[in-house]
Amino acid sequence: MAPLTINFDCDSQRFDWMERMQFWDSMRPWFLARGYMLYHYEYVRNDRGQIEDIAYVYPARAFEGDIRYPYSFFGGDPPDSTDRPHNGSALPRIIFAQDSQYRHVAIKLVRNGSQEHRIYQFLDQDLSRDSLDSFKGILPPVDFLPLGDHLFVVMPRWGSAVYYPQFSSVNEALVFMRCLLKALSYLHKNLIVHRDISNDNIVMNHFCASGQMRFNTMRGPLRSAGHLVYALLDFDISIQFPPNLTPADMRLPSSLSWWGSYNQPADTAQGELDYDPFAFDVGCLGVLFWDRFGHLLPTVPMLAPLIDGMVTRNIASRFTATQALQFFEEFYLQITHAQLNFNPGWPAGGQPFVFDDIRADRWRNLPDDFVRAWSHL
C-alpha cells in the first residue's frame, strides 16, 4: 500500500491528529522494510464506534532492548499503576519505534535541506563517536531515512518529565545544570543557537510506560547512583550560522525572539530592532535555572552570581555559555560533601519562582561577606 501524503508544516502546530495517525499507520510497511517497527496504538471510541482519541501506545516487543549509551534505561512503573504506555507527544512529526535489535527510538519528520536537517547532519558527524564519558548534553542521531522532500531523523528514545521523581540532593540538581550548560556551550561553540530552551525540550536517559513519573521506582536510585544525564533537544527553530560571519552578522530580528517558551530574558522588551541570539539562549537557560533551583541558593550561594551572570540585562557583560560552564565547574569543585548531599526539599507542585530583576532578589538571606565578595559581578 502506498503511504498517504500529508502536509507537515514545520512552522505550524495546526494539524488533524486523525490524519496524522493515518499517515503513520500507512508508513508501517515502509519503516519495517528499513528495520523499524512503529509502536502500536489503541483508540478511544465513542458510542457510535468513532475514534475520538488515542488511548495508549505500546512497543512491538514489550520494553526490551539495549540500554547502553546512546540508548536509555527504561522501566520502574509503579506496581499498582493502571496507566497504559502512552506516547505523550502532541507534535505531528514524531513517533516512537523499535529497531531490529528492539532498541527504542524516536523518529522525527524533517524537511530536507532545512536548518534542522543541516544541524542533525552536523551532530551526526560530530557526535557519532561520543560515549557517556564524553557526553556533551546533546543526543546524536542514529539514522536518516530519506523520503522525497523530507527525511526521517532517528534518535534514541529518552524520557521527559525530568524533574520527577523529585531530586533527593543538591548534587542531583547540579548534575542537571551541568549537563545543560555543557549542551549550550557545545552548541554555541559550533555557532548553533537553540532558540527554544525550555523544560519541554529537556530529556533524560530513562523512560517508562506509565505517565506516573512521580512514583517511578527506578529513576530515584539511578539518579542517586549518578547514572542519569540530561540532554537538550529539538532543533525545529534552531539556526547554525556559517563560520565566516562576524558577531554583528549573527544578530536576528527581534520578532524572532518571541518564539519559544516562557523563560525569556527582557532583551527585546524595550523596542530593540534586533538581538544577540547567543546571549538570549544563555538568558533563557539562566531564567530556567532560577525558576527551578532558586531555592538552592542558601545551600549553594555561588548559584547567585552564576544566575546573575546569565540573566543580567547588561548583555555586553552577560556570561557566554562557555563562561557560564567554566564558572560552574570552578565553584562545583569547591562545594563540600555535606552541601552536595543536602536535601533542601522542593517547591510543592513544582511551582516556578517568579523571575524579575527587581522582585527576584537572589542575594537575599545570603551571608554578608559573600554578598560583599560576589554581588559586584
Protein backbone atom coordinates (compact mmCIF):
# COMPACT_ATOMS: atom_id res chain seq x y z
CA MET A 1 0.00 0.00 0.00
CA ALA A 2 1.40 3.42 -0.95
CA PRO A 3 1.87 5.77 2.01
CA LEU A 4 -0.57 8.63 2.40
CA THR A 5 0.57 12.15 1.68
CA ILE A 6 0.18 14.74 4.39
CA ASN A 7 1.23 18.35 4.84
CA PHE A 8 3.52 18.53 7.86
CA ASP A 9 4.02 22.27 8.20
CA CYS A 10 7.19 22.75 10.22
CA ASP A 11 6.11 26.27 11.20
CA SER A 12 2.63 25.44 12.45
CA GLN A 13 1.09 23.32 15.15
CA ARG A 14 -2.20 23.14 13.25
CA PHE A 15 -2.87 19.59 12.19
CA ASP A 16 -5.59 16.99 12.17
CA TRP A 17 -4.41 14.31 14.60
CA MET A 18 -6.52 11.64 12.91
CA GLU A 19 -4.93 12.47 9.57
CA ARG A 20 -1.57 12.30 11.29
CA MET A 21 -2.23 8.82 12.66
CA GLN A 22 -3.49 7.58 9.30
CA PHE A 23 -0.24 8.80 7.78
CA TRP A 24 1.92 6.97 10.33
CA ASP A 25 -0.18 3.80 10.01
CA SER A 26 0.24 3.90 6.24
CA MET A 27 4.02 4.09 6.71
CA ARG A 28 4.35 0.94 8.84
CA PRO A 29 5.42 -1.36 5.95
CA TRP A 30 7.85 1.31 4.70
CA PHE A 31 9.53 1.57 8.11
CA LEU A 32 9.51 -2.20 8.65
CA ALA A 33 11.39 -2.67 5.38
CA ARG A 34 14.05 -0.35 6.82
CA GLY A 35 14.30 -2.15 10.15
CA TYR A 36 11.93 -0.09 12.33
CA MET A 37 8.74 -1.32 14.00
CA LEU A 38 6.46 1.56 14.89
CA TYR A 39 4.70 1.50 18.23
CA HIS A 40 1.07 0.32 18.09
CA TYR A 41 -1.96 2.39 19.08
CA GLU A 42 -5.26 1.69 20.72
CA TYR A 43 -8.01 4.27 20.38
CA VAL A 44 -10.84 5.72 22.42
CA ARG A 45 -14.14 5.28 20.58
CA ASN A 46 -17.49 6.92 21.24
CA ASP A 47 -20.87 5.17 21.45
CA ARG A 48 -21.09 5.15 17.66
CA GLY A 49 -17.71 3.42 17.34
CA GLN A 50 -15.98 6.52 16.01
CA ILE A 51 -12.38 7.18 17.05
CA GLU A 52 -12.10 10.20 19.32
CA ASP A 53 -8.62 9.99 20.80
CA ILE A 54 -5.54 7.82 21.36
CA ALA A 55 -5.94 5.69 24.48
CA TYR A 56 -2.36 4.44 24.70
CA VAL A 57 0.59 3.29 22.64
CA TYR A 58 2.91 0.38 23.19
CA PRO A 59 6.01 -1.05 21.52
CA ALA A 60 6.10 -4.01 19.20
CA ARG A 61 8.03 -6.22 21.63
CA ALA A 62 7.42 -5.17 25.23
CA PHE A 63 10.03 -2.87 26.74
CA GLU A 64 13.15 -4.67 25.65
CA GLY A 65 16.34 -3.52 24.02
CA ASP A 66 19.82 -2.17 24.66
CA ILE A 67 20.26 0.37 27.47
CA ARG A 68 23.86 1.29 26.69
CA TYR A 69 24.56 4.87 25.56
CA PRO A 70 23.16 6.47 23.49
CA TYR A 71 20.09 4.37 24.39
CA SER A 72 18.40 4.80 27.74
CA PHE A 73 17.26 2.95 30.81
CA PHE A 74 13.57 2.05 30.91
CA GLY A 75 11.14 0.67 33.47
CA GLY A 76 10.23 1.35 37.08
CA ASP A 77 6.48 1.65 36.60
CA PRO A 78 4.64 1.60 39.94
CA PRO A 79 3.35 -1.94 40.66
CA ASP A 80 -0.18 -0.65 41.14
CA SER A 81 -0.13 1.62 38.10
CA THR A 82 -3.24 1.41 35.95
CA ASP A 83 -1.73 3.60 33.25
CA ARG A 84 -1.02 2.09 29.89
CA PRO A 85 2.05 3.04 27.81
CA HIS A 86 1.46 6.41 26.16
CA ASN A 87 3.33 8.41 23.56
CA GLY A 88 2.78 11.72 25.30
CA SER A 89 3.66 13.66 22.15
CA ALA A 90 1.36 16.36 20.82
CA LEU A 91 3.57 17.04 17.83
CA PRO A 92 2.62 15.90 14.34
CA ARG A 93 6.09 14.87 13.26
CA ILE A 94 7.30 12.45 15.96
CA ILE A 95 6.55 8.79 16.64
CA PHE A 96 8.23 6.06 18.69
CA ALA A 97 9.52 2.76 17.32
CA GLN A 98 11.94 -0.11 17.92
CA ASP A 99 14.78 -1.02 15.62
CA SER A 100 15.71 -4.55 14.54
CA GLN A 101 17.55 -5.04 17.86
CA TYR A 102 14.47 -3.85 19.79
CA ARG A 103 16.18 -0.66 20.89
CA HIS A 104 13.75 2.20 21.45
CA VAL A 105 13.94 5.19 19.14
CA ALA A 106 12.05 8.37 18.34
CA ILE A 107 11.52 9.16 14.67
CA LYS A 108 11.02 12.74 13.55
CA LEU A 109 9.97 14.02 10.13
CA VAL A 110 12.20 16.88 8.96
CA ARG A 111 12.16 18.94 5.81
CA ASN A 112 15.07 18.05 3.51
CA GLY A 113 17.66 20.84 3.32
CA SER A 114 16.20 22.79 6.24
CA GLN A 115 18.27 24.31 9.03
CA GLU A 116 17.06 21.49 11.26
CA HIS A 117 18.25 18.89 8.74
CA ARG A 118 21.68 20.50 8.42
CA ILE A 119 22.07 20.68 12.20
CA TYR A 120 21.22 16.99 12.59
CA GLN A 121 23.75 16.18 9.87
CA PHE A 122 26.40 18.15 11.73
CA LEU A 123 25.56 16.44 15.03
CA ASP A 124 25.71 13.03 13.35
CA GLN A 125 29.21 13.72 12.04
CA ASP A 126 30.49 15.36 15.20
CA LEU A 127 28.93 13.21 17.94
CA SER A 128 28.84 9.75 16.37
CA ARG A 129 31.94 8.56 18.27
CA ASP A 130 30.99 10.05 21.63
CA SER A 131 30.47 7.92 24.72
CA LEU A 132 28.75 8.61 28.01
CA ASP A 133 32.14 9.70 29.39
CA SER A 134 32.41 12.37 26.69
CA PHE A 135 28.70 13.23 26.66
CA LYS A 136 28.12 16.84 25.60
CA GLY A 137 24.48 17.15 26.59
CA ILE A 138 23.20 16.58 23.03
CA LEU A 139 21.77 13.33 21.62
CA PRO A 140 23.35 12.07 18.38
CA PRO A 141 21.10 10.92 15.53
CA VAL A 142 21.45 7.22 14.78
CA ASP A 143 19.91 7.07 11.30
CA PHE A 144 18.50 9.12 8.42
CA LEU A 145 15.70 7.79 6.20
CA PRO A 146 15.06 9.95 3.11
CA LEU A 147 11.55 10.31 1.67
CA GLY A 148 11.18 12.78 -1.18
CA ASP A 149 11.31 16.38 0.03
CA HIS A 150 11.51 15.16 3.64
CA LEU A 151 13.52 12.69 5.66
CA PHE A 152 13.06 10.88 8.95
CA VAL A 153 15.71 11.50 11.60
CA VAL A 154 16.03 8.57 14.01
CA MET A 155 17.11 9.39 17.57
CA PRO A 156 17.47 7.23 20.68
CA ARG A 157 14.32 7.46 22.78
CA TRP A 158 14.94 9.27 26.08
CA GLY A 159 12.38 10.27 28.71
CA SER A 160 10.61 13.50 29.61
CA ALA A 161 9.27 14.83 32.95
CA VAL A 162 12.89 15.28 34.02
CA TYR A 163 12.10 16.79 37.43
CA TYR A 164 10.21 13.70 38.62
CA PRO A 165 10.57 11.99 40.97
CA GLN A 166 11.93 14.95 42.94
CA PHE A 167 15.68 15.27 43.28
CA SER A 168 16.95 13.92 46.59
CA SER A 169 20.08 16.06 46.92
CA VAL A 170 21.66 19.33 45.83
CA ASN A 171 24.19 17.37 43.78
CA GLU A 172 21.46 15.79 41.65
CA ALA A 173 20.25 19.25 40.71
CA LEU A 174 23.79 20.41 39.95
CA VAL A 175 24.34 17.41 37.65
CA PHE A 176 21.23 18.51 35.75
CA MET A 177 22.52 22.10 35.47
CA ARG A 178 25.96 20.96 34.36
CA CYS A 179 24.53 18.83 31.54
CA LEU A 180 22.56 21.77 30.16
CA LEU A 181 25.48 24.17 30.44
CA LYS A 182 27.63 21.65 28.57
CA ALA A 183 24.95 21.32 25.90
CA LEU A 184 24.60 25.05 25.34
CA SER A 185 28.36 25.60 25.36
CA TYR A 186 28.78 22.85 22.76
CA LEU A 187 26.05 24.27 20.52
CA HIS A 188 27.36 27.83 20.71
CA LYS A 189 30.95 26.78 20.04
CA ASN A 190 29.60 25.33 16.81
CA LEU A 191 27.61 28.50 16.05
CA ILE A 192 24.23 26.85 16.71
CA VAL A 193 21.60 28.90 18.54
CA HIS A 194 18.85 26.76 20.01
CA ARG A 195 16.14 29.45 20.36
CA ASP A 196 13.70 27.29 22.37
CA ILE A 197 15.35 26.31 25.65
CA SER A 198 12.51 25.05 27.81
CA ASN A 199 11.52 22.24 30.14
CA ASP A 200 9.71 20.53 27.26
CA ASN A 201 12.95 20.27 25.29
CA ILE A 202 14.98 18.54 28.02
CA VAL A 203 15.14 14.75 28.24
CA MET A 204 16.95 12.20 30.39
CA ASN A 205 18.32 8.71 29.75
CA HIS A 206 15.35 6.95 31.31
CA PHE A 207 11.75 6.43 30.24
CA CYS A 208 8.90 4.19 31.30
CA ALA A 209 5.47 3.08 30.17
CA SER A 210 3.43 4.84 32.84
CA GLY A 211 2.81 8.56 32.94
CA GLN A 212 3.14 8.47 36.75
CA MET A 213 6.73 9.68 36.82
CA ARG A 214 6.35 10.98 40.39
CA PHE A 215 6.14 7.39 41.62
CA ASN A 216 8.67 5.73 39.32
CA THR A 217 10.74 3.23 41.30
CA MET A 218 13.80 3.25 39.01
CA ARG A 219 14.62 6.90 38.44
CA GLY A 220 15.41 7.76 42.05
CA PRO A 221 18.02 5.01 42.54
CA LEU A 222 19.54 5.64 39.10
CA ARG A 223 19.79 9.34 39.84
CA SER A 224 21.31 8.77 43.30
CA ALA A 225 23.88 6.38 41.80
CA GLY A 226 24.94 9.01 39.25
CA HIS A 227 23.73 7.09 36.19
CA LEU A 228 21.33 9.69 34.82
CA VAL A 229 22.26 12.50 32.45
CA TYR A 230 20.19 15.12 30.67
CA ALA A 231 20.11 16.37 27.11
CA LEU A 232 18.82 19.41 25.25
CA LEU A 233 16.97 18.51 22.06
CA ASP A 234 14.53 19.76 19.41
CA PHE A 235 16.07 21.95 16.73
CA ASP A 236 12.83 22.99 14.99
CA ILE A 237 13.70 26.70 15.09
CA SER A 238 17.45 26.47 15.68
CA ILE A 239 19.97 28.15 13.39
CA GLN A 240 23.58 27.26 12.62
CA PHE A 241 25.47 30.30 11.34
CA PRO A 242 28.26 30.00 8.76
CA PRO A 243 31.75 30.23 10.29
CA ASN A 244 32.78 33.25 8.19
CA LEU A 245 30.31 35.69 9.80
CA THR A 246 31.20 38.36 12.33
CA PRO A 247 29.23 38.74 15.61
CA ALA A 248 27.45 41.72 14.07
CA ASP A 249 26.25 39.46 11.26
CA MET A 250 24.87 36.89 13.69
CA ARG A 251 22.06 39.02 15.08
CA LEU A 252 18.40 38.26 14.44
CA PRO A 253 15.26 40.42 14.10
CA SER A 254 13.67 40.99 17.49
CA SER A 255 10.41 39.42 16.30
CA LEU A 256 12.16 36.03 16.25
CA SER A 257 12.89 36.30 19.98
CA TRP A 258 9.19 35.94 20.75
CA TRP A 259 9.18 32.29 19.66
CA GLY A 260 9.83 29.59 22.21
CA SER A 261 8.86 29.20 25.83
CA TYR A 262 8.05 31.36 28.86
CA ASN A 263 11.56 31.65 30.31
CA GLN A 264 12.88 34.56 28.26
CA PRO A 265 15.10 37.44 29.34
CA ALA A 266 14.00 41.01 28.65
CA ASP A 267 16.49 41.53 25.80
CA THR A 268 13.84 42.70 23.32
CA ALA A 269 11.30 44.25 25.71
CA GLN A 270 12.42 47.82 25.10
CA GLY A 271 11.69 48.05 21.39
CA GLU A 272 15.01 46.71 20.11
CA LEU A 273 15.09 46.03 16.38
CA ASP A 274 17.43 43.04 16.62
CA TYR A 275 19.13 40.93 19.28
CA ASP A 276 22.03 38.61 20.02
CA PRO A 277 20.55 35.07 19.87
CA PHE A 278 23.54 33.51 21.66
CA ALA A 279 23.16 35.84 24.66
CA PHE A 280 19.40 35.26 24.51
CA ASP A 281 19.92 31.47 24.76
CA VAL A 282 22.09 31.99 27.85
CA GLY A 283 19.44 34.25 29.37
CA CYS A 284 16.72 31.67 28.75
CA LEU A 285 18.75 28.96 30.46
CA GLY A 286 19.52 31.30 33.37
CA VAL A 287 15.82 32.04 33.87
CA LEU A 288 15.06 28.30 33.78
CA PHE A 289 17.73 27.70 36.44
CA TRP A 290 16.28 30.43 38.65
CA ASP A 291 12.73 29.12 38.25
CA ARG A 292 13.62 25.56 39.15
CA PHE A 293 16.58 25.89 41.51
CA GLY A 294 16.39 29.33 43.08
CA HIS A 295 15.62 27.74 46.45
CA LEU A 296 19.10 26.13 46.45
CA LEU A 297 20.89 29.48 46.87
CA PRO A 298 21.06 29.35 50.70
CA THR A 299 22.85 25.98 50.38
CA VAL A 300 24.96 26.85 47.31
CA PRO A 301 25.38 30.66 47.34
CA MET A 302 27.60 30.57 44.23
CA LEU A 303 24.47 29.94 42.20
CA ALA A 304 23.59 33.62 42.78
CA PRO A 305 26.50 35.08 40.75
CA LEU A 306 26.14 32.28 38.19
CA ILE A 307 22.48 33.05 37.52
CA ASP A 308 23.04 36.82 37.73
CA GLY A 309 25.79 36.48 35.15
CA MET A 310 23.46 34.55 32.84
CA VAL A 311 20.45 36.88 33.08
CA THR A 312 21.93 40.35 33.57
CA ARG A 313 20.27 42.99 31.42
CA ASN A 314 23.72 44.35 30.60
CA ILE A 315 24.02 41.98 27.66
CA ALA A 316 27.59 43.01 26.85
CA SER A 317 28.69 41.70 30.27
CA ARG A 318 26.46 38.61 30.29
CA PHE A 319 28.24 35.26 30.52
CA THR A 320 28.70 33.39 27.29
CA ALA A 321 27.62 29.74 27.50
CA THR A 322 31.26 28.68 27.82
CA GLN A 323 31.98 31.26 30.53
CA ALA A 324 28.91 30.11 32.48
CA LEU A 325 30.09 26.49 32.25
CA GLN A 326 33.61 27.42 33.35
CA PHE A 327 32.27 29.43 36.29
CA PHE A 328 30.08 26.48 37.28
CA GLU A 329 32.94 23.99 37.04
CA GLU A 330 35.18 26.15 39.21
CA PHE A 331 32.76 26.56 42.09
CA TYR A 332 31.43 22.99 41.80
CA LEU A 333 34.85 21.69 42.81
CA GLN A 334 34.72 23.77 45.99
CA ILE A 335 31.31 22.61 47.25
CA THR A 336 31.55 20.48 50.35
CA HIS A 337 30.35 16.90 50.61
CA ALA A 338 27.71 17.97 53.12
CA GLN A 339 26.36 20.63 50.77
CA LEU A 340 26.20 18.23 47.83
CA ASN A 341 24.29 15.62 49.79
CA PHE A 342 21.88 18.02 51.48
CA ASN A 343 18.21 17.63 50.55
CA PRO A 344 16.64 21.11 50.72
CA GLY A 345 13.17 19.94 49.77
CA TRP A 346 11.49 21.09 46.59
CA PRO A 347 8.70 23.59 45.95
CA ALA A 348 5.31 21.90 46.31
CA GLY A 349 3.78 21.08 42.95
CA GLY A 350 6.91 22.22 41.11
CA GLN A 351 5.70 25.84 41.02
CA PRO A 352 8.27 28.06 39.31
CA PHE A 353 9.74 31.08 41.03
CA VAL A 354 8.75 34.44 39.58
CA PHE A 355 11.60 35.91 37.54
CA ASP A 356 12.10 39.66 37.71
CA ASP A 357 15.28 41.62 38.32
CA ILE A 358 13.53 43.80 40.93
CA ARG A 359 11.45 41.28 42.87
CA ALA A 360 13.66 38.20 42.46
CA ASP A 361 16.43 39.27 44.82
CA ARG A 362 18.87 36.40 44.56
CA TRP A 363 21.11 37.86 47.25
CA ARG A 364 18.50 38.00 49.99
CA ASN A 365 19.41 35.97 53.09
CA LEU A 366 22.91 35.14 51.83
CA PRO A 367 25.89 35.76 54.15
CA ASP A 368 27.01 39.42 54.24
CA ASP A 369 30.65 38.60 53.50
CA PHE A 370 29.61 36.53 50.49
CA VAL A 371 27.43 39.35 49.14
CA ARG A 372 30.28 41.85 49.54
CA ALA A 373 32.66 39.49 47.70
CA TRP A 374 30.44 38.50 44.78
CA SER A 375 27.46 40.79 44.21
CA HIS A 376 29.50 43.21 42.07
CA LEU A 377 29.61 40.69 39.20
